[in-house]
Amino acid sequence: MLTALAITTAVITALSPSSWNIAGLVLMLIGVVLLFRYGMPYRVRTGGATNIIARAVDANEIKAEKFYARLGWIGLVLLVVGTLFQIVANLSPAGGLY
């Protein structure tokens, strides 16, 4: 039976360091584009209000806010995963520290 460490080591060594770097850069690029397009996920929520004075709640605005928040979180996760991929590339046995 394989241990988690053996599986992790096998996965890390299966790809070359340059493949990890490229995958990390691609994920980070997608994450940055998502963050620029949809904003950070912790922006101020309006709760569907169309403006500050109105008391009306717009259901479409609530859906849009949830959609933007979801894509913002996906962008942040992609940035973190991309960074981890680049760290793995630099620390992998085949790549070593450059």
N, C-alpha and C. Protein backbone atom coordinates (compact mmCIF):
# COMPACT_ATOMS: atom_id res chain seq x y z
N MET A 1 0.84 -1.18 0.00
CA MET A 1 0.00 0.00 0.00
C MET A 1 0.89 1.25 0.00
N LEU A 2 0.58 2.16 -0.89
CA LEU A 2 1.37 3.38 -1.01
C LEU A 2 0.99 4.39 0.06
N THR A 3 1.98 5.02 0.59
CA THR A 3 1.71 6.07 1.57
C THR A 3 1.49 7.39 0.84
N ALA A 4 0.94 8.35 1.54
CA ALA A 4 0.69 9.67 0.95
C ALA A 4 2.00 10.31 0.50
N LEU A 5 3.06 10.11 1.26
CA LEU A 5 4.35 10.69 0.89
C LEU A 5 4.89 10.06 -0.39
N ALA A 6 4.73 8.76 -0.54
CA ALA A 6 5.20 8.09 -1.75
C ALA A 6 4.41 8.55 -2.97
N ILE A 7 3.12 8.72 -2.80
CA ILE A 7 2.28 9.20 -3.91
C ILE A 7 2.66 10.62 -4.29
N THR A 8 2.85 11.48 -3.29
CA THR A 8 3.23 12.86 -3.54
C THR A 8 4.58 12.93 -4.24
N THR A 9 5.54 12.14 -3.79
CA THR A 9 6.85 12.12 -4.42
C THR A 9 6.77 11.64 -5.86
N ALA A 10 5.96 10.63 -6.11
CA ALA A 10 5.80 10.12 -7.47
C ALA A 10 5.19 11.18 -8.39
N VAL A 11 4.20 11.91 -7.88
CA VAL A 11 3.56 12.96 -8.69
C VAL A 11 4.54 14.09 -8.98
N ILE A 12 5.30 14.50 -7.97
CA ILE A 12 6.24 15.61 -8.15
C ILE A 12 7.33 15.25 -9.14
N THR A 13 7.85 14.04 -9.07
CA THR A 13 8.94 13.66 -9.96
C THR A 13 8.46 13.24 -11.34
N ALA A 14 7.15 13.06 -11.52
CA ALA A 14 6.62 12.65 -12.83
C ALA A 14 6.77 13.76 -13.86
N LEU A 15 6.69 15.00 -13.43
CA LEU A 15 6.81 16.14 -14.35
C LEU A 15 8.16 16.80 -14.18
N SER A 16 8.67 17.34 -15.26
CA SER A 16 9.94 18.06 -15.19
C SER A 16 9.73 19.41 -14.50
N PRO A 17 10.79 19.99 -13.96
CA PRO A 17 10.67 21.30 -13.32
C PRO A 17 10.11 22.37 -14.26
N SER A 18 10.51 22.30 -15.53
CA SER A 18 9.99 23.31 -16.46
C SER A 18 8.48 23.14 -16.67
N SER A 19 7.99 21.91 -16.62
CA SER A 19 6.54 21.69 -16.74
C SER A 19 5.80 22.27 -15.54
N TRP A 20 6.36 22.08 -14.34
CA TRP A 20 5.75 22.68 -13.14
C TRP A 20 5.74 24.20 -13.24
N ASN A 21 6.86 24.77 -13.71
CA ASN A 21 6.94 26.23 -13.85
C ASN A 21 5.91 26.75 -14.85
N ILE A 22 5.81 26.09 -15.99
CA ILE A 22 4.86 26.52 -17.01
C ILE A 22 3.43 26.41 -16.50
N ALA A 23 3.11 25.28 -15.85
CA ALA A 23 1.77 25.11 -15.30
C ALA A 23 1.47 26.18 -14.25
N GLY A 24 2.46 26.48 -13.41
CA GLY A 24 2.28 27.52 -12.40
C GLY A 24 2.06 28.89 -13.01
N LEU A 25 2.83 29.22 -14.04
CA LEU A 25 2.67 30.52 -14.70
C LEU A 25 1.31 30.64 -15.38
N VAL A 26 0.86 29.57 -16.03
CA VAL A 26 -0.44 29.60 -16.69
C VAL A 26 -1.55 29.79 -15.67
N LEU A 27 -1.50 29.03 -14.56
CA LEU A 27 -2.52 29.18 -13.51
C LEU A 27 -2.51 30.59 -12.92
N MET A 28 -1.32 31.14 -12.70
CA MET A 28 -1.24 32.49 -12.15
C MET A 28 -1.77 33.53 -13.13
N LEU A 29 -1.49 33.36 -14.41
CA LEU A 29 -2.00 34.28 -15.42
C LEU A 29 -3.52 34.26 -15.44
N ILE A 30 -4.11 33.07 -15.42
CA ILE A 30 -5.58 32.96 -15.41
C ILE A 30 -6.14 33.59 -14.14
N GLY A 31 -5.48 33.34 -13.00
CA GLY A 31 -5.93 33.92 -11.74
C GLY A 31 -5.90 35.44 -11.75
N VAL A 32 -4.84 36.02 -12.29
CA VAL A 32 -4.72 37.48 -12.35
C VAL A 32 -5.80 38.07 -13.26
N VAL A 33 -6.03 37.43 -14.40
CA VAL A 33 -7.07 37.92 -15.32
C VAL A 33 -8.43 37.88 -14.64
N LEU A 34 -8.73 36.79 -13.93
CA LEU A 34 -10.01 36.69 -13.22
C LEU A 34 -10.13 37.79 -12.15
N LEU A 35 -9.05 38.03 -11.42
CA LEU A 35 -9.10 39.08 -10.39
C LEU A 35 -9.27 40.46 -10.98
N PHE A 36 -8.60 40.74 -12.08
CA PHE A 36 -8.77 42.06 -12.72
C PHE A 36 -10.17 42.21 -13.28
N ARG A 37 -10.72 41.15 -13.83
CA ARG A 37 -12.04 41.24 -14.46
C ARG A 37 -13.17 41.28 -13.43
N TYR A 38 -13.07 40.42 -12.42
CA TYR A 38 -14.19 40.27 -11.49
C TYR A 38 -13.93 40.83 -10.10
N GLY A 39 -12.74 41.30 -9.83
CA GLY A 39 -12.45 41.96 -8.56
C GLY A 39 -12.15 40.99 -7.44
N MET A 40 -11.63 41.55 -6.37
CA MET A 40 -11.32 40.75 -5.20
C MET A 40 -12.62 40.28 -4.57
N PRO A 41 -12.64 39.09 -3.99
CA PRO A 41 -13.89 38.54 -3.46
C PRO A 41 -14.40 39.21 -2.19
N TYR A 42 -13.61 40.07 -1.56
CA TYR A 42 -14.06 40.69 -0.32
C TYR A 42 -14.55 42.12 -0.52
N ARG A 43 -14.98 42.45 -1.73
CA ARG A 43 -15.50 43.81 -1.97
C ARG A 43 -16.81 44.02 -1.22
N VAL A 44 -17.21 45.25 -1.07
CA VAL A 44 -18.41 45.59 -0.31
C VAL A 44 -19.65 45.11 -1.06
N ARG A 45 -20.48 44.36 -0.39
CA ARG A 45 -21.70 43.84 -0.98
C ARG A 45 -22.83 44.86 -0.82
N THR A 46 -23.65 44.96 -1.84
CA THR A 46 -24.78 45.89 -1.78
C THR A 46 -26.06 45.18 -1.38
N GLY A 47 -26.05 43.84 -1.36
CA GLY A 47 -27.24 43.09 -1.01
C GLY A 47 -28.33 43.23 -2.05
N GLY A 48 -27.98 43.60 -3.25
CA GLY A 48 -28.95 43.73 -4.33
C GLY A 48 -29.56 45.10 -4.47
N ALA A 49 -29.20 46.03 -3.57
CA ALA A 49 -29.75 47.39 -3.68
C ALA A 49 -29.18 48.05 -4.93
N THR A 50 -30.04 48.71 -5.69
CA THR A 50 -29.60 49.33 -6.94
C THR A 50 -28.78 50.58 -6.69
N ASN A 51 -29.01 51.27 -5.58
CA ASN A 51 -28.19 52.39 -5.18
C ASN A 51 -28.38 52.62 -3.69
N ILE A 52 -27.68 53.57 -3.13
CA ILE A 52 -27.71 53.77 -1.68
C ILE A 52 -29.08 54.25 -1.20
N ILE A 53 -29.75 55.09 -1.96
CA ILE A 53 -31.02 55.68 -1.52
C ILE A 53 -32.19 54.70 -1.67
N ALA A 54 -32.20 53.94 -2.72
CA ALA A 54 -33.32 53.04 -3.00
C ALA A 54 -33.36 51.89 -2.00
N ARG A 55 -34.55 51.46 -1.68
CA ARG A 55 -34.71 50.33 -0.78
C ARG A 55 -35.05 49.06 -1.56
N ALA A 56 -35.15 49.18 -2.85
CA ALA A 56 -35.49 48.02 -3.68
C ALA A 56 -34.29 47.08 -3.78
N VAL A 57 -34.58 45.79 -3.82
CA VAL A 57 -33.55 44.77 -3.96
C VAL A 57 -33.72 44.13 -5.33
N ASP A 58 -32.62 44.08 -6.07
CA ASP A 58 -32.63 43.51 -7.41
C ASP A 58 -32.05 42.10 -7.36
N ALA A 59 -32.85 41.09 -7.69
CA ALA A 59 -32.39 39.70 -7.65
C ALA A 59 -31.25 39.45 -8.63
N ASN A 60 -31.29 40.12 -9.79
CA ASN A 60 -30.21 39.96 -10.76
C ASN A 60 -28.90 40.50 -10.22
N GLU A 61 -28.97 41.58 -9.45
CA GLU A 61 -27.77 42.17 -8.87
C GLU A 61 -27.17 41.23 -7.82
N ILE A 62 -28.02 40.55 -7.07
CA ILE A 62 -27.53 39.58 -6.08
C ILE A 62 -26.83 38.42 -6.78
N LYS A 63 -27.42 37.92 -7.86
CA LYS A 63 -26.80 36.83 -8.62
C LYS A 63 -25.45 37.27 -9.19
N ALA A 64 -25.40 38.50 -9.71
CA ALA A 64 -24.15 39.01 -10.27
C ALA A 64 -23.07 39.12 -9.20
N GLU A 65 -23.43 39.59 -8.00
CA GLU A 65 -22.46 39.71 -6.92
C GLU A 65 -21.93 38.34 -6.51
N LYS A 66 -22.80 37.35 -6.42
CA LYS A 66 -22.36 36.00 -6.07
C LYS A 66 -21.45 35.42 -7.14
N PHE A 67 -21.78 35.67 -8.41
CA PHE A 67 -20.98 35.19 -9.53
C PHE A 67 -19.59 35.83 -9.50
N TYR A 68 -19.55 37.14 -9.29
CA TYR A 68 -18.27 37.85 -9.24
C TYR A 68 -17.44 37.38 -8.05
N ALA A 69 -18.08 37.17 -6.91
CA ALA A 69 -17.36 36.70 -5.73
C ALA A 69 -16.78 35.32 -5.98
N ARG A 70 -17.55 34.44 -6.61
CA ARG A 70 -17.08 33.09 -6.89
C ARG A 70 -15.87 33.13 -7.83
N LEU A 71 -15.95 33.93 -8.88
CA LEU A 71 -14.82 34.02 -9.81
C LEU A 71 -13.61 34.70 -9.16
N GLY A 72 -13.86 35.63 -8.27
CA GLY A 72 -12.76 36.26 -7.53
C GLY A 72 -12.02 35.24 -6.68
N TRP A 73 -12.77 34.38 -5.98
CA TRP A 73 -12.15 33.34 -5.16
C TRP A 73 -11.40 32.34 -6.03
N ILE A 74 -11.97 31.99 -7.17
CA ILE A 74 -11.28 31.08 -8.09
C ILE A 74 -9.96 31.70 -8.54
N GLY A 75 -9.97 33.00 -8.84
CA GLY A 75 -8.75 33.69 -9.22
C GLY A 75 -7.69 33.64 -8.13
N LEU A 76 -8.09 33.87 -6.89
CA LEU A 76 -7.14 33.81 -5.77
C LEU A 76 -6.58 32.41 -5.59
N VAL A 77 -7.44 31.42 -5.69
CA VAL A 77 -6.99 30.03 -5.54
C VAL A 77 -6.00 29.68 -6.65
N LEU A 78 -6.28 30.11 -7.88
CA LEU A 78 -5.36 29.83 -8.98
C LEU A 78 -4.00 30.49 -8.76
N LEU A 79 -4.00 31.70 -8.21
CA LEU A 79 -2.72 32.35 -7.91
C LEU A 79 -1.92 31.56 -6.87
N VAL A 80 -2.59 31.08 -5.84
CA VAL A 80 -1.90 30.32 -4.80
C VAL A 80 -1.40 28.99 -5.36
N VAL A 81 -2.24 28.28 -6.11
CA VAL A 81 -1.82 27.00 -6.68
C VAL A 81 -0.68 27.20 -7.68
N GLY A 82 -0.76 28.24 -8.49
CA GLY A 82 0.32 28.52 -9.42
C GLY A 82 1.63 28.80 -8.72
N THR A 83 1.56 29.53 -7.62
CA THR A 83 2.76 29.80 -6.84
C THR A 83 3.33 28.50 -6.25
N LEU A 84 2.44 27.65 -5.74
CA LEU A 84 2.90 26.37 -5.19
C LEU A 84 3.55 25.50 -6.27
N PHE A 85 2.99 25.52 -7.48
CA PHE A 85 3.58 24.77 -8.58
C PHE A 85 5.00 25.25 -8.86
N GLN A 86 5.21 26.55 -8.82
CA GLN A 86 6.55 27.07 -9.08
C GLN A 86 7.51 26.73 -7.94
N ILE A 87 7.01 26.70 -6.71
CA ILE A 87 7.84 26.28 -5.59
C ILE A 87 8.24 24.82 -5.75
N VAL A 88 7.28 23.97 -6.12
CA VAL A 88 7.57 22.55 -6.35
C VAL A 88 8.62 22.40 -7.44
N ALA A 89 8.51 23.19 -8.50
CA ALA A 89 9.49 23.10 -9.60
C ALA A 89 10.89 23.42 -9.11
N ASN A 90 11.01 24.40 -8.25
CA ASN A 90 12.34 24.79 -7.77
C ASN A 90 12.90 23.85 -6.71
N LEU A 91 12.03 23.16 -5.99
CA LEU A 91 12.49 22.27 -4.93
C LEU A 91 12.51 20.80 -5.35
N SER A 92 12.06 20.49 -6.56
CA SER A 92 12.03 19.09 -7.00
C SER A 92 13.45 18.57 -7.17
N PRO A 93 13.64 17.27 -6.96
CA PRO A 93 14.98 16.70 -7.05
C PRO A 93 15.63 16.90 -8.42
N ALA A 94 14.85 16.86 -9.48
CA ALA A 94 15.41 17.02 -10.81
C ALA A 94 15.81 18.47 -11.09
N GLY A 95 15.10 19.40 -10.47
CA GLY A 95 15.36 20.80 -10.76
C GLY A 95 16.36 21.44 -9.84
N GLY A 96 16.31 21.09 -8.58
CA GLY A 96 17.18 21.71 -7.61
C GLY A 96 16.89 23.19 -7.48
N LEU A 97 17.63 23.85 -6.68
CA LEU A 97 17.48 25.30 -6.55
C LEU A 97 18.38 25.96 -7.59
N TYR A 98 17.83 26.89 -8.34
CA TYR A 98 18.58 27.52 -9.42
C TYR A 98 19.42 28.66 -8.91
